[in-house]
Amino acid sequence: MLQKWRRKRTHFPLLSLFSVLFSLFVIGVTILYNQRSIRQILEDREQQQLSITQTSLLSSDPSKASGVNNQNQALVASLDRFTKCASTRRYSGKKTVRIDRMMETDRRRGIPERCDLFSGKWVFDNTSYPLYNESHCPYMSDELACQKYGRTDLRYQNWRWQPHNCNLKRWNATEMWEKLRGKRLMFVGDSLNRGQWTSMVCLLQSAIPADKRSMSPVAPLTIFRAEEYNASVEFYWAPLLVDSNSDDPVNHRLKDRIIRPDSVLKHASQWENADILVFNTYLWWRHGPIKLLWSSEENGVCEELDGLRAMELAMEAWAEWVASNVNTLIKRVFFVTMSPTHLWSREWKPGSEGNCYEENTPIDVEGYWGSGSDLPTMRMVENVLGKLRSKVSVVNITQLSEYRKDGHPSIYRKFWQTLSPQQLSNRTSYSDCIHWCLPGVHDVWNELLFNLL
């Protein structure tokens, strides 16, 4: 057979040559086609990823609850500080997607705590605390560096949180790094969450040689990285959790607060690959009514809603993302409850007309609540988080922080705006009774997180 094939090949050399050339042509066309197909697939994937980061969750129709996977979602432009409402109307009652049915198969409640870490008292301890020196942390924020800006009474650094029926595990930076080895820990939220992130960096940085650590600010995402542990501690600015016109980490002091109540996807594209997520939101919802610009609204018409109900819409959109995307076997999600303010000293000292200025001891009345902790908001948050069950661990810092009227920067911080002579003549008028000095209250929040991990 082989000899016969060779004889035929000899008798028809031109036909054989034509066959070879034709085969090469077909192969070339096939390769070119496949290359173009692969390139088209890659382009399609890039476009799909772009669409995912720009597309918002569908809202009003419950039948579209799987909106994140709906290929027919319309692209919507992200909000920025230049976004304006064409007009404003009353809230129509539209709802974001609901998470109730998403959790039908998740009935786990988690293992009950043998001790309530969040119920206790503050104990003065100038032997073990502070856990670090303010001036020894190169990443300290000038907004929280109270000693640097003139505070001489440093007892606010020496208070230890003592749960009633157990002890907090002592902070250990090396052990915390081992928990974070190969992982990304990301704090997501507002300036209070940024304060907790700063605290965590200050608590951890001394365990890493200076040449093995780095800080990479890429606003709105800032990353502290430890080379030895292949780990990072990050902060991402998203004060309202959903897409908003206040998402610029610097220029966010705006007259009108505008949100997309049904959209977290722009932010989620940043936080979705973190291994441990720590969320917060609260304070920004307390500054007047919020304007809602729904993803489906094409004419720029906003609706207006009070802060509490607007926050509930945003929390539900965030919870929908958690319910749909968090696998608790590989990702941990924490939510830090509201951080209280101390704006009215008459609440703990009847008859006075001050605030946190010149306060230097905690409130010693157990169960104290002031107006800085809004109980209806707390109930709403508890309701939303309850639907997520074991997917989210709650870091309940509200009650324990309520006692710490002494822990705020007051006048001892850097102020980015020039103070008027009238303000300077009345120190309570410009006291910061919202944020927290470091070292201080934020460190205890992180000790709680360390115990929960």
Protein backbone atom coordinates (compact mmCIF):
# COMPACT_ATOMS: atom_id res chain seq x y z
CA MET A 1 0.00 0.00 0.00
CA LEU A 2 2.81 2.36 0.87
CA GLN A 3 4.54 1.65 -2.47
CA LYS A 4 1.33 2.31 -4.38
CA TRP A 5 0.88 5.64 -2.55
CA ARG A 6 4.46 6.63 -3.36
CA ARG A 7 3.97 5.80 -7.07
CA LYS A 8 0.87 7.93 -7.22
CA ARG A 9 2.68 10.75 -5.45
CA THR A 10 5.45 10.57 -8.08
CA HIS A 11 3.00 10.65 -10.99
CA PHE A 12 1.12 13.72 -9.70
CA PRO A 13 3.63 16.11 -8.07
CA LEU A 14 1.65 19.27 -8.93
CA LEU A 15 -1.54 17.92 -7.41
CA SER A 16 0.30 16.98 -4.21
CA LEU A 17 1.91 20.40 -4.00
CA PHE A 18 -1.50 22.03 -4.47
CA SER A 19 -2.95 19.83 -1.69
CA VAL A 20 -0.16 20.83 0.71
CA LEU A 21 -0.60 24.54 -0.07
CA PHE A 22 -4.36 24.29 0.29
CA SER A 23 -3.96 22.56 3.67
CA LEU A 24 -1.59 25.27 4.89
CA PHE A 25 -4.09 27.91 3.75
CA VAL A 26 -6.91 26.24 5.67
CA ILE A 27 -4.76 25.91 8.79
CA GLY A 28 -3.73 29.58 8.57
CA VAL A 29 -7.30 30.75 8.17
CA THR A 30 -8.34 28.58 11.11
CA ILE A 31 -5.58 29.98 13.34
CA LEU A 32 -6.44 33.54 12.33
CA TYR A 33 -10.12 32.88 12.99
CA ASN A 34 -9.36 31.36 16.37
CA GLN A 35 -7.12 34.30 17.30
CA ARG A 36 -9.85 36.73 16.36
CA SER A 37 -12.39 34.64 18.28
CA ILE A 38 -10.19 34.59 21.37
CA ARG A 39 -9.63 38.33 21.10
CA GLN A 40 -13.38 38.83 20.76
CA ILE A 41 -13.98 36.67 23.83
CA LEU A 42 -11.47 38.70 25.83
CA GLU A 43 -13.02 41.94 24.65
CA ASP A 44 -16.45 40.63 25.58
CA ARG A 45 -15.19 39.67 29.03
CA GLU A 46 -13.63 43.10 29.53
CA GLN A 47 -16.87 44.73 28.51
CA GLN A 48 -18.77 42.41 30.83
CA GLN A 49 -16.52 43.34 33.76
CA LEU A 50 -16.96 47.03 32.94
CA SER A 51 -20.70 46.53 32.86
CA ILE A 52 -20.65 44.79 36.22
CA THR A 53 -18.83 47.66 37.90
CA GLN A 54 -21.07 50.28 36.33
CA THR A 55 -24.42 48.49 36.56
CA SER A 56 -26.69 48.94 39.56
CA LEU A 57 -29.07 46.49 41.20
CA LEU A 58 -32.57 46.59 39.84
CA SER A 59 -34.95 47.90 42.41
CA SER A 60 -38.72 48.15 42.41
CA ASP A 61 -39.83 44.82 40.93
CA PRO A 62 -39.36 41.92 43.40
CA SER A 63 -39.29 39.49 40.48
CA LYS A 64 -35.95 41.06 39.51
CA ALA A 65 -34.25 40.28 42.81
CA SER A 66 -31.45 38.50 40.98
CA GLY A 67 -30.67 41.82 39.33
CA VAL A 68 -26.92 41.50 39.73
CA ASN A 69 -27.02 38.62 37.24
CA ASN A 70 -29.51 40.16 34.85
CA GLN A 71 -27.80 40.79 31.52
CA ASN A 72 -30.42 43.36 30.55
CA GLN A 73 -29.45 45.83 33.25
CA ALA A 74 -28.89 49.30 31.88
CA LEU A 75 -25.54 50.98 32.39
CA VAL A 76 -25.79 53.92 34.76
CA ALA A 77 -23.21 56.60 35.37
CA SER A 78 -21.62 56.68 38.80
CA LEU A 79 -22.45 59.65 40.96
CA ASP A 80 -19.78 62.21 41.84
CA ARG A 81 -19.63 65.54 43.68
CA PHE A 82 -20.83 67.37 40.58
CA THR A 83 -24.03 65.33 40.33
CA LYS A 84 -27.20 67.43 40.59
CA CYS A 85 -30.88 66.59 40.72
CA ALA A 86 -32.88 67.96 37.79
CA SER A 87 -35.82 68.20 40.21
CA THR A 88 -36.98 66.63 43.46
CA ARG A 89 -40.26 64.95 44.33
CA ARG A 90 -41.64 63.12 47.34
CA TYR A 91 -40.51 59.56 48.00
CA SER A 92 -42.67 57.15 46.00
CA GLY A 93 -42.29 54.17 48.30
CA LYS A 94 -40.03 52.26 45.91
CA LYS A 95 -37.95 49.56 47.59
CA THR A 96 -34.53 48.09 46.96
CA VAL A 97 -34.18 44.35 46.42
CA ARG A 98 -35.21 42.25 49.42
CA ILE A 99 -32.94 39.71 51.06
CA ASP A 100 -35.52 37.66 52.97
CA ARG A 101 -35.75 34.73 50.58
CA MET A 102 -32.00 34.81 49.86
CA MET A 103 -31.38 33.40 53.32
CA GLU A 104 -34.02 30.64 53.32
CA THR A 105 -31.35 27.92 53.16
CA ASP A 106 -29.09 29.60 55.73
CA ARG A 107 -30.58 28.80 59.12
CA ARG A 108 -27.30 28.66 61.01
CA ARG A 109 -27.17 30.93 64.02
CA GLY A 110 -23.53 30.40 64.83
CA ILE A 111 -22.14 29.21 68.14
CA PRO A 112 -23.53 31.31 71.01
CA GLU A 113 -20.98 33.41 72.85
CA ARG A 114 -20.24 32.08 76.32
CA CYS A 115 -19.55 35.66 77.32
CA ASP A 116 -20.99 38.95 76.14
CA LEU A 117 -17.84 40.85 75.20
CA PHE A 118 -19.81 44.06 74.72
CA SER A 119 -21.30 44.29 78.22
CA GLY A 120 -18.89 45.49 80.88
CA LYS A 121 -17.13 48.52 82.31
CA TRP A 122 -14.03 50.65 81.79
CA VAL A 123 -11.16 50.02 84.20
CA PHE A 124 -8.28 52.45 84.65
CA ASP A 125 -5.08 50.60 83.77
CA ASN A 126 -1.92 52.67 83.34
CA THR A 127 0.26 49.55 83.45
CA SER A 128 -0.97 47.74 80.34
CA TYR A 129 -2.33 50.72 78.42
CA PRO A 130 -1.81 52.41 76.05
CA LEU A 131 -0.93 49.58 73.67
CA TYR A 132 1.39 51.87 71.67
CA ASN A 133 2.82 55.37 71.85
CA GLU A 134 1.18 58.02 69.68
CA SER A 135 4.50 59.49 68.55
CA HIS A 136 5.90 56.05 67.66
CA CYS A 137 3.28 55.36 64.99
CA PRO A 138 4.42 56.95 61.71
CA TYR A 139 0.94 56.52 60.26
CA MET A 140 -0.90 58.47 62.94
CA SER A 141 -3.63 60.83 61.68
CA ASP A 142 -3.37 64.49 62.70
CA GLU A 143 -7.12 64.46 63.27
CA LEU A 144 -6.69 61.87 66.04
CA ALA A 145 -3.28 62.79 67.49
CA CYS A 146 -4.57 64.59 70.59
CA GLN A 147 -1.29 64.60 72.51
CA LYS A 148 0.55 66.09 69.54
CA TYR A 149 -2.00 68.91 69.38
CA GLY A 150 -1.74 69.93 72.99
CA ARG A 151 -3.77 67.60 75.18
CA THR A 152 -1.86 67.21 78.44
CA ASP A 153 -4.34 65.05 80.37
CA LEU A 154 -3.47 61.64 78.92
CA ARG A 155 -5.66 59.45 81.11
CA TYR A 156 -7.92 58.81 78.09
CA GLN A 157 -5.16 56.43 76.90
CA ASN A 158 -5.22 54.27 80.04
CA TRP A 159 -8.71 52.80 80.10
CA ARG A 160 -9.19 49.06 79.54
CA TRP A 161 -12.52 47.49 78.59
CA GLN A 162 -13.48 44.75 81.04
CA PRO A 163 -16.44 42.48 80.10
CA HIS A 164 -18.53 41.48 83.11
CA ASN A 165 -18.14 37.70 83.03
CA CYS A 166 -14.89 37.07 81.19
CA ASN A 167 -11.68 38.68 80.01
CA LEU A 168 -10.70 39.95 76.62
CA LYS A 169 -7.78 38.08 75.14
CA ARG A 170 -4.70 40.28 75.44
CA TRP A 171 -3.73 42.04 72.22
CA ASN A 172 -0.82 40.38 70.42
CA ALA A 173 0.41 41.94 67.17
CA THR A 174 2.29 38.86 66.00
CA GLU A 175 -0.74 36.64 66.56
CA MET A 176 -2.91 39.10 64.68
CA TRP A 177 -0.50 39.04 61.74
CA GLU A 178 -0.69 35.24 61.73
CA LYS A 179 -4.48 35.52 61.51
CA LEU A 180 -3.97 37.84 58.53
CA ARG A 181 -1.24 35.87 56.78
CA GLY A 182 -1.94 35.79 53.04
CA LYS A 183 -5.10 37.85 53.51
CA ARG A 184 -6.59 41.29 52.86
CA LEU A 185 -8.30 42.97 55.81
CA MET A 186 -10.35 45.91 54.55
CA PHE A 187 -12.23 48.55 56.52
CA VAL A 188 -15.06 50.09 54.48
CA GLY A 189 -16.99 53.16 55.53
CA ASP A 190 -16.59 56.71 56.82
CA SER A 191 -14.03 58.67 58.86
CA LEU A 192 -14.87 56.72 62.02
CA ASN A 193 -14.02 53.48 60.26
CA ARG A 194 -10.90 55.16 58.92
CA GLY A 195 -10.01 55.93 62.55
CA GLN A 196 -10.38 52.25 63.41
CA TRP A 197 -8.17 51.39 60.43
CA THR A 198 -5.53 53.89 61.62
CA SER A 199 -5.69 52.29 65.07
CA MET A 200 -5.21 48.82 63.56
CA VAL A 201 -2.20 49.98 61.54
CA CYS A 202 -0.65 51.58 64.65
CA LEU A 203 -1.30 48.41 66.65
CA LEU A 204 0.34 46.23 63.99
CA GLN A 205 3.12 48.26 62.41
CA SER A 206 5.70 47.89 65.19
CA ALA A 207 5.86 44.13 64.59
CA ILE A 208 7.09 44.68 61.01
CA PRO A 209 10.59 46.00 60.16
CA ALA A 210 10.46 49.39 58.45
CA ASP A 211 11.91 48.00 55.21
CA LYS A 212 9.29 45.23 55.10
CA ARG A 213 6.19 47.43 55.30
CA SER A 214 4.66 50.05 53.04
CA MET A 215 1.74 52.42 52.80
CA SER A 216 0.23 52.91 49.35
CA PRO A 217 -2.42 55.63 49.22
CA VAL A 218 -4.56 55.18 46.12
CA ALA A 219 -7.59 57.27 47.04
CA PRO A 220 -10.24 56.25 47.88
CA LEU A 221 -8.37 52.99 48.71
CA THR A 222 -5.36 53.14 51.06
CA ILE A 223 -3.26 50.03 51.65
CA PHE A 224 -0.82 49.17 54.44
CA ARG A 225 1.15 46.10 53.44
CA ALA A 226 3.38 43.70 55.37
CA GLU A 227 5.72 41.87 53.01
CA GLU A 228 6.69 39.08 55.42
CA TYR A 229 3.08 37.99 55.93
CA ASN A 230 1.91 38.72 52.38
CA ALA A 231 -0.95 40.58 54.09
CA SER A 232 -2.55 44.00 53.89
CA VAL A 233 -4.71 46.22 56.09
CA GLU A 234 -6.76 48.53 53.89
CA PHE A 235 -9.26 51.34 54.11
CA TYR A 236 -11.85 52.09 51.44
CA TRP A 237 -13.90 55.30 51.58
CA ALA A 238 -17.62 54.56 51.13
CA PRO A 239 -19.40 56.54 53.88
CA LEU A 240 -22.93 55.65 52.73
CA LEU A 241 -22.10 52.13 51.45
CA VAL A 242 -24.13 52.72 48.28
CA ASP A 243 -23.03 54.85 45.33
CA SER A 244 -23.24 58.54 46.29
CA ASN A 245 -22.06 62.03 45.41
CA SER A 246 -19.94 61.95 48.58
CA ASP A 247 -17.58 59.19 47.46
CA ASP A 248 -14.63 61.53 46.96
CA PRO A 249 -12.45 60.98 50.06
CA VAL A 250 -11.46 64.67 50.13
CA ASN A 251 -14.17 66.77 48.48
CA HIS A 252 -17.36 65.50 50.06
CA ARG A 253 -18.73 68.45 52.03
CA LEU A 254 -21.78 69.07 49.88
CA LYS A 255 -25.06 70.88 50.37
CA ASP A 256 -27.22 67.97 49.13
CA ARG A 257 -26.50 64.33 49.82
CA ILE A 258 -27.44 62.23 46.75
CA ILE A 259 -27.36 58.42 46.70
CA ARG A 260 -28.30 55.56 44.42
CA PRO A 261 -30.18 53.56 47.04
CA ASP A 262 -30.18 50.40 44.92
CA SER A 263 -26.52 50.30 43.89
CA VAL A 264 -23.41 49.05 45.73
CA LEU A 265 -21.67 47.55 42.70
CA LYS A 266 -19.20 50.38 42.15
CA HIS A 267 -17.93 49.96 45.70
CA ALA A 268 -18.31 46.18 45.70
CA SER A 269 -15.87 45.96 42.79
CA GLN A 270 -13.27 47.29 45.25
CA TRP A 271 -14.12 45.29 48.35
CA GLU A 272 -15.30 41.96 46.86
CA ASN A 273 -11.82 40.35 46.82
CA ALA A 274 -10.96 41.15 50.45
CA ASP A 275 -10.83 38.19 52.84
CA ILE A 276 -11.98 40.06 55.96
CA LEU A 277 -14.35 43.03 55.63
CA VAL A 278 -15.22 45.50 58.38
CA PHE A 279 -18.12 47.81 57.46
CA ASN A 280 -19.72 50.80 59.16
CA THR A 281 -22.15 53.60 58.33
CA TYR A 282 -24.26 55.91 60.45
CA LEU A 283 -23.19 59.50 61.02
CA TRP A 284 -23.67 60.77 57.48
CA TRP A 285 -27.34 59.83 57.55
CA ARG A 286 -28.03 62.30 60.37
CA HIS A 287 -27.51 65.51 58.38
CA GLY A 288 -30.92 66.36 56.99
CA PRO A 289 -32.94 64.66 54.22
CA ILE A 290 -31.28 62.46 51.60
CA LYS A 291 -31.96 62.66 47.88
CA LEU A 292 -32.51 59.36 46.06
CA LEU A 293 -31.52 59.00 42.42
CA TRP A 294 -32.63 55.54 41.34
CA SER A 295 -30.64 53.60 38.76
CA SER A 296 -33.69 53.37 36.51
CA GLU A 297 -34.25 57.15 36.54
CA GLU A 298 -33.10 58.58 33.21
CA ASN A 299 -34.15 62.21 33.65
CA GLY A 300 -32.22 63.08 36.80
CA VAL A 301 -35.36 63.36 38.93
CA CYS A 302 -34.60 62.68 42.61
CA GLU A 303 -36.83 61.63 45.45
CA GLU A 304 -36.34 62.92 48.98
CA LEU A 305 -36.38 60.85 52.14
CA ASP A 306 -35.39 61.28 55.78
CA GLY A 307 -32.03 59.91 56.86
CA LEU A 308 -33.29 56.89 58.77
CA ARG A 309 -35.41 55.46 55.96
CA ALA A 310 -32.77 56.31 53.35
CA MET A 311 -30.18 54.49 55.45
CA GLU A 312 -32.50 51.47 55.62
CA LEU A 313 -32.72 51.35 51.82
CA ALA A 314 -28.93 51.53 51.57
CA MET A 315 -28.44 48.88 54.24
CA GLU A 316 -30.81 46.54 52.43
CA ALA A 317 -28.92 46.99 49.14
CA TRP A 318 -25.66 46.25 50.97
CA ALA A 319 -27.24 43.24 52.71
CA GLU A 320 -28.40 41.92 49.34
CA TRP A 321 -24.78 41.93 48.16
CA VAL A 322 -23.65 40.13 51.31
CA ALA A 323 -26.41 37.52 51.03
CA SER A 324 -25.62 36.85 47.36
CA ASN A 325 -21.83 36.95 47.41
CA VAL A 326 -20.39 36.00 50.79
CA ASN A 327 -19.28 32.42 51.36
CA THR A 328 -18.61 32.25 55.09
CA LEU A 329 -16.11 29.41 54.59
CA ILE A 330 -13.68 31.74 52.83
CA LYS A 331 -14.72 35.28 53.78
CA ARG A 332 -15.48 37.01 57.09
CA VAL A 333 -17.75 40.05 57.24
CA PHE A 334 -18.10 42.32 60.28
CA PHE A 335 -20.40 45.26 60.85
CA VAL A 336 -19.43 47.88 63.44
CA THR A 337 -22.45 49.46 65.11
CA MET A 338 -22.90 53.20 65.46
CA SER A 339 -20.28 55.30 67.19
CA PRO A 340 -21.95 57.69 69.67
CA THR A 341 -21.32 61.42 69.93
CA HIS A 342 -21.14 63.53 73.10
CA LEU A 343 -22.46 66.92 72.02
CA TRP A 344 -24.55 67.87 75.07
CA SER A 345 -23.01 67.65 78.55
CA ARG A 346 -26.42 68.19 80.15
CA GLU A 347 -27.18 64.56 79.27
CA TRP A 348 -24.63 63.27 81.79
CA LYS A 349 -24.25 66.44 83.91
CA PRO A 350 -27.69 68.03 84.37
CA GLY A 351 -27.66 71.83 84.32
CA SER A 352 -24.44 72.17 82.30
CA GLU A 353 -24.26 73.69 78.81
CA GLY A 354 -21.06 72.22 77.41
CA ASN A 355 -20.05 69.14 75.45
CA CYS A 356 -17.06 66.78 75.54
CA TYR A 357 -14.59 69.65 76.00
CA GLU A 358 -12.54 69.27 79.21
CA GLU A 359 -14.12 65.89 80.02
CA ASN A 360 -11.45 63.56 81.38
CA THR A 361 -13.25 60.55 82.89
CA PRO A 362 -15.77 58.05 81.48
CA ILE A 363 -19.44 58.04 82.44
CA ASP A 364 -19.84 55.56 85.30
CA VAL A 365 -23.61 55.00 85.08
CA GLU A 366 -24.08 51.52 83.63
CA GLY A 367 -26.63 51.43 80.81
CA TYR A 368 -26.25 55.14 80.04
CA TRP A 369 -27.69 56.27 76.71
CA GLY A 370 -27.38 59.75 75.23
CA SER A 371 -28.82 61.36 72.12
CA GLY A 372 -25.62 60.48 70.27
CA SER A 373 -26.94 56.95 69.86
CA ASP A 374 -30.18 56.91 67.91
CA LEU A 375 -32.28 53.99 69.14
CA PRO A 376 -34.62 53.78 66.09
CA THR A 377 -31.55 53.54 63.86
CA MET A 378 -30.11 50.84 66.09
CA ARG A 379 -33.32 48.81 65.84
CA MET A 380 -33.36 49.17 62.05
CA VAL A 381 -29.74 48.03 61.75
CA GLU A 382 -30.41 45.09 64.06
CA ASN A 383 -33.36 44.06 61.89
CA VAL A 384 -31.35 44.17 58.65
CA LEU A 385 -28.36 42.35 60.13
CA GLY A 386 -30.70 39.75 61.64
CA LYS A 387 -31.76 38.70 58.14
CA LEU A 388 -28.14 37.92 57.28
CA ARG A 389 -27.81 35.57 60.24
CA SER A 390 -24.37 33.94 60.31
CA LYS A 391 -23.03 35.79 57.27
CA VAL A 392 -22.18 38.88 59.35
CA SER A 393 -20.59 39.19 62.79
CA VAL A 394 -21.65 42.29 64.72
CA VAL A 395 -19.04 44.34 66.58
CA ASN A 396 -21.31 46.13 69.04
CA ILE A 397 -19.25 49.14 70.13
CA THR A 398 -22.14 51.52 70.83
CA GLN A 399 -22.86 51.05 74.54
CA LEU A 400 -19.22 50.75 75.59
CA SER A 401 -18.33 53.88 73.59
CA GLU A 402 -21.27 55.77 75.11
CA TYR A 403 -19.40 55.83 78.42
CA ARG A 404 -16.31 57.48 76.89
CA LYS A 405 -17.20 61.18 76.84
CA ASP A 406 -13.52 61.78 77.65
CA GLY A 407 -12.17 60.01 74.58
CA HIS A 408 -12.87 62.60 71.85
CA PRO A 409 -10.29 64.98 70.37
CA SER A 410 -12.26 68.04 71.45
CA ILE A 411 -10.03 70.99 70.46
CA TYR A 412 -6.85 68.86 70.39
CA ARG A 413 -6.55 67.98 66.72
CA LYS A 414 -5.68 69.50 63.37
CA PHE A 415 -8.56 71.49 61.89
CA TRP A 416 -8.51 71.80 58.13
CA GLN A 417 -10.61 74.94 58.05
CA THR A 418 -9.59 78.28 59.55
CA LEU A 419 -11.43 78.95 62.79
CA SER A 420 -13.14 82.31 63.23
CA PRO A 421 -12.36 84.64 66.19
CA GLN A 422 -15.86 83.88 67.52
CA GLN A 423 -15.12 80.14 67.50
CA LEU A 424 -11.73 80.60 69.10
CA SER A 425 -13.30 82.59 71.93
CA ASN A 426 -15.67 79.69 72.68
CA ARG A 427 -13.82 76.40 72.64
CA THR A 428 -16.90 74.23 72.95
CA SER A 429 -18.10 75.67 69.62
CA TYR A 430 -15.40 73.87 67.66
CA SER A 431 -14.76 70.83 69.86
CA ASP A 432 -14.75 67.55 67.96
CA CYS A 433 -17.02 65.29 70.01
CA ILE A 434 -17.48 62.79 67.18
CA HIS A 435 -14.10 61.20 66.43
CA TRP A 436 -11.77 59.50 68.93
CA CYS A 437 -8.24 60.22 70.15
CA LEU A 438 -5.53 57.63 69.52
CA PRO A 439 -4.40 55.69 71.43
CA GLY A 440 -7.86 55.23 72.87
CA VAL A 441 -11.35 53.94 72.16
CA HIS A 442 -10.63 52.73 68.61
CA ASP A 443 -7.97 50.37 69.98
CA VAL A 444 -10.60 48.59 72.09
CA TRP A 445 -12.80 48.18 69.02
CA ASN A 446 -9.86 46.40 67.38
CA GLU A 447 -9.23 44.27 70.47
CA LEU A 448 -12.82 43.09 70.13
CA LEU A 449 -12.23 42.33 66.44
CA PHE A 450 -9.07 40.41 67.40
CA ASN A 451 -11.10 38.32 69.86
CA LEU A 452 -13.83 37.63 67.28
CA LEU A 453 -11.54 36.51 64.47
